[in-house]
C-alpha atoms as a PDB file:
ATOM      1  CA  UNK A   1      65.154  90.462 127.514  1.00  0.00           C
ATOM      2  CA  UNK A   2      68.504  91.588 125.878  1.00  0.00           C
ATOM      3  CA  UNK A   3      71.255  91.840 127.916  1.00  0.00           C
ATOM      4  CA  UNK A   4      74.122  93.634 127.338  1.00  0.00           C
ATOM      5  CA  UNK A   5      77.645  93.125 128.757  1.00  0.00           C
ATOM      6  CA  UNK A   6      80.182  95.978 128.574  1.00  0.00           C
ATOM      7  CA  UNK A   7      83.883  95.468 129.316  1.00  0.00           C
ATOM      8  CA  UNK A   8      86.062  99.170 130.355  1.00  0.00           C
ATOM      9  CA  UNK A   9      89.396  98.910 128.722  1.00  0.00           C
ATOM     10  CA  UNK A  10      91.752 102.069 129.649  1.00  0.00           C
ATOM     11  CA  UNK A  11      92.807 104.302 126.382  1.00  0.00           C
ATOM     12  CA  UNK A  12      96.036 103.193 126.552  1.00  0.00           C
ATOM     13  CA  UNK A  13      95.529  99.889 126.478  1.00  0.00           C
ATOM     14  CA  UNK A  14      92.334 100.173 123.156  1.00  0.00           C
ATOM     15  CA  UNK A  15      95.035 103.034 121.696  1.00  0.00           C
ATOM     16  CA  UNK A  16      97.843  99.329 122.159  1.00  0.00           C
ATOM     17  CA  UNK A  17      95.856  97.293 120.517  1.00  0.00           C
ATOM     18  CA  UNK A  18      94.693  98.629 117.775  1.00  0.00           C
ATOM     19  CA  UNK A  19      98.676  99.650 116.650  1.00  0.00           C
ATOM     20  CA  UNK A  20      99.314  96.023 117.277  1.00  0.00           C
ATOM     21  CA  UNK A  21      96.628  94.877 114.830  1.00  0.00           C
ATOM     22  CA  UNK A  22      97.266  97.641 112.217  1.00  0.00           C
ATOM     23  CA  UNK A  23     101.085  97.080 112.718  1.00  0.00           C
ATOM     24  CA  UNK A  24     100.729  93.582 111.788  1.00  0.00           C
ATOM     25  CA  UNK A  25      97.609  93.952 109.046  1.00  0.00           C
ATOM     26  CA  UNK A  26     100.941  96.423 107.807  1.00  0.00           C
ATOM     27  CA  UNK A  27     103.195  93.906 107.456  1.00  0.00           C
ATOM     28  CA  UNK A  28     101.306  91.531 106.090  1.00  0.00           C
ATOM     29  CA  UNK A  29     100.509  93.925 103.336  1.00  0.00           C
ATOM     30  CA  UNK A  30     104.333  94.998 103.268  1.00  0.00           C
ATOM     31  CA  UNK A  31     105.583  91.631 102.313  1.00  0.00           C
ATOM     32  CA  UNK A  32     102.484  90.932  99.625  1.00  0.00           C
ATOM     33  CA  UNK A  33     103.136  93.258  98.459  1.00  0.00           C
ATOM     34  CA  UNK A  34     106.487  93.221  97.889  1.00  0.00           C
ATOM     35  CA  UNK A  35     105.985  88.880  96.958  1.00  0.00           C
ATOM     36  CA  UNK A  36     104.091  90.444  94.114  1.00  0.00           C
ATOM     37  CA  UNK A  37     106.496  93.051  92.803  1.00  0.00           C
ATOM     38  CA  UNK A  38     109.196  89.953  93.075  1.00  0.00           C
ATOM     39  CA  UNK A  39     107.286  87.304  91.038  1.00  0.00           C
ATOM     40  CA  UNK A  40     106.471  89.702  88.790  1.00  0.00           C
ATOM     41  CA  UNK A  41     109.321  91.353  88.327  1.00  0.00           C
ATOM     42  CA  UNK A  42     110.966  86.941  87.544  1.00  0.00           C
ATOM     43  CA  UNK A  43     110.501  86.295  83.706  1.00  0.00           C
ATOM     44  CA  UNK A  44     107.851  82.970  83.393  1.00  0.00           C
ATOM     45  CA  UNK A  45     109.635  82.690  79.974  1.00  0.00           C
ATOM     46  CA  UNK A  46     111.560  83.738  77.649  1.00  0.00           C
ATOM     47  CA  UNK A  47     111.907  84.179  74.015  1.00  0.00           C
ATOM     48  CA  UNK A  48     114.311  81.777  71.566  1.00  0.00           C
ATOM     49  CA  UNK A  49     117.573  84.553  71.466  1.00  0.00           C
ATOM     50  CA  UNK A  50     117.390  84.838  75.637  1.00  0.00           C
ATOM     51  CA  UNK A  51     116.572  81.156  76.322  1.00  0.00           C
ATOM     52  CA  UNK A  52     119.914  80.532  73.533  1.00  0.00           C
ATOM     53  CA  UNK A  53     121.639  83.170  75.258  1.00  0.00           C
ATOM     54  CA  UNK A  54     120.908  82.376  78.663  1.00  0.00           C
ATOM     55  CA  UNK A  55     121.828  78.744  77.249  1.00  0.00           C
ATOM     56  CA  UNK A  56     125.312  79.310  75.525  1.00  0.00           C
ATOM     57  CA  UNK A  57     123.648  77.083  72.674  1.00  0.00           C
ATOM     58  CA  UNK A  58     122.605  78.123  69.076  1.00  0.00           C
ATOM     59  CA  UNK A  59     119.452  78.383  67.892  1.00  0.00           C
ATOM     60  CA  UNK A  60     119.740  75.441  65.724  1.00  0.00           C
ATOM     61  CA  UNK A  61     120.655  73.580  69.209  1.00  0.00           C
ATOM     62  CA  UNK A  62     117.570  74.228  70.522  1.00  0.00           C
ATOM     63  CA  UNK A  63     115.816  73.842  67.585  1.00  0.00           C
ATOM     64  CA  UNK A  64     116.921  69.910  68.421  1.00  0.00           C
ATOM     65  CA  UNK A  65     116.326  70.046  71.650  1.00  0.00           C
ATOM     66  CA  UNK A  66     112.795  70.914  71.770  1.00  0.00           C
ATOM     67  CA  UNK A  67     112.215  68.067  68.746  1.00  0.00           C
ATOM     68  CA  UNK A  68     113.825  65.500  70.661  1.00  0.00           C
ATOM     69  CA  UNK A  69     111.869  66.574  73.779  1.00  0.00           C
ATOM     70  CA  UNK A  70     114.502  67.431  75.742  1.00  0.00           C
ATOM     71  CA  UNK A  71     113.376  71.552  76.234  1.00  0.00           C
ATOM     72  CA  UNK A  72     110.081  72.228  75.125  1.00  0.00           C
ATOM     73  CA  UNK A  73     109.366  75.189  73.281  1.00  0.00           C
ATOM     74  CA  UNK A  74     105.464  76.562  74.033  1.00  0.00           C
ATOM     75  CA  UNK A  75     104.343  79.339  70.465  1.00  0.00           C
ATOM     76  CA  UNK A  76     102.545  81.695  71.410  1.00  0.00           C
ATOM     77  CA  UNK A  77     101.389  82.914  67.563  1.00  0.00           C
ATOM     78  CA  UNK A  78     104.414  83.401  66.164  1.00  0.00           C
ATOM     79  CA  UNK A  79     106.809  83.599  69.145  1.00  0.00           C
ATOM     80  CA  UNK A  80     108.998  80.599  70.652  1.00  0.00           C
ATOM     81  CA  UNK A  81     108.806  80.790  73.752  1.00  0.00           C
ATOM     82  CA  UNK A  82     110.748  78.380  76.452  1.00  0.00           C
ATOM     83  CA  UNK A  83     108.906  78.198  79.844  1.00  0.00           C
ATOM     84  CA  UNK A  84     111.606  80.275  82.751  1.00  0.00           C
ATOM     85  CA  UNK A  85     111.131  76.690  84.798  1.00  0.00           C
ATOM     86  CA  UNK A  86     112.183  74.282  81.300  1.00  0.00           C
ATOM     87  CA  UNK A  87     115.097  76.551  80.707  1.00  0.00           C
ATOM     88  CA  UNK A  88     116.272  76.437  85.027  1.00  0.00           C
ATOM     89  CA  UNK A  89     115.883  72.322  85.239  1.00  0.00           C
ATOM     90  CA  UNK A  90     117.125  71.936  81.987  1.00  0.00           C
ATOM     91  CA  UNK A  91     120.597  73.793  83.699  1.00  0.00           C
ATOM     92  CA  UNK A  92     119.918  71.866  86.814  1.00  0.00           C
ATOM     93  CA  UNK A  93     120.169  68.790  84.779  1.00  0.00           C
ATOM     94  CA  UNK A  94     123.920  69.901  83.049  1.00  0.00           C
ATOM     95  CA  UNK A  95     125.306  70.020  86.360  1.00  0.00           C
ATOM     96  CA  UNK A  96     128.090  67.160  87.268  1.00  0.00           C
ATOM     97  CA  UNK A  97     126.861  66.302  90.750  1.00  0.00           C
ATOM     98  CA  UNK A  98     130.503  66.136  93.148  1.00  0.00           C
END
């Protein structure tokens, strides 16, 4: 024999419960979308020209940094790219401690 239990909740309380749950879900969704959009706007790599501009280095100097392993380039087809994280790390390594 199955016993069914029922809980009576006033309509106003039920409405508030659903609104709170939806508001929380909407906020989490908005935050996730905002993070995805920010990640999409942040470049994951830079071209040789952009990297030389950011670091204020000539292309031959950039090539030397790659060959010595200081700032490794990634080749994709005929393109030479530098990972944004590697460029940032190199910039950090150049900062003089206070």
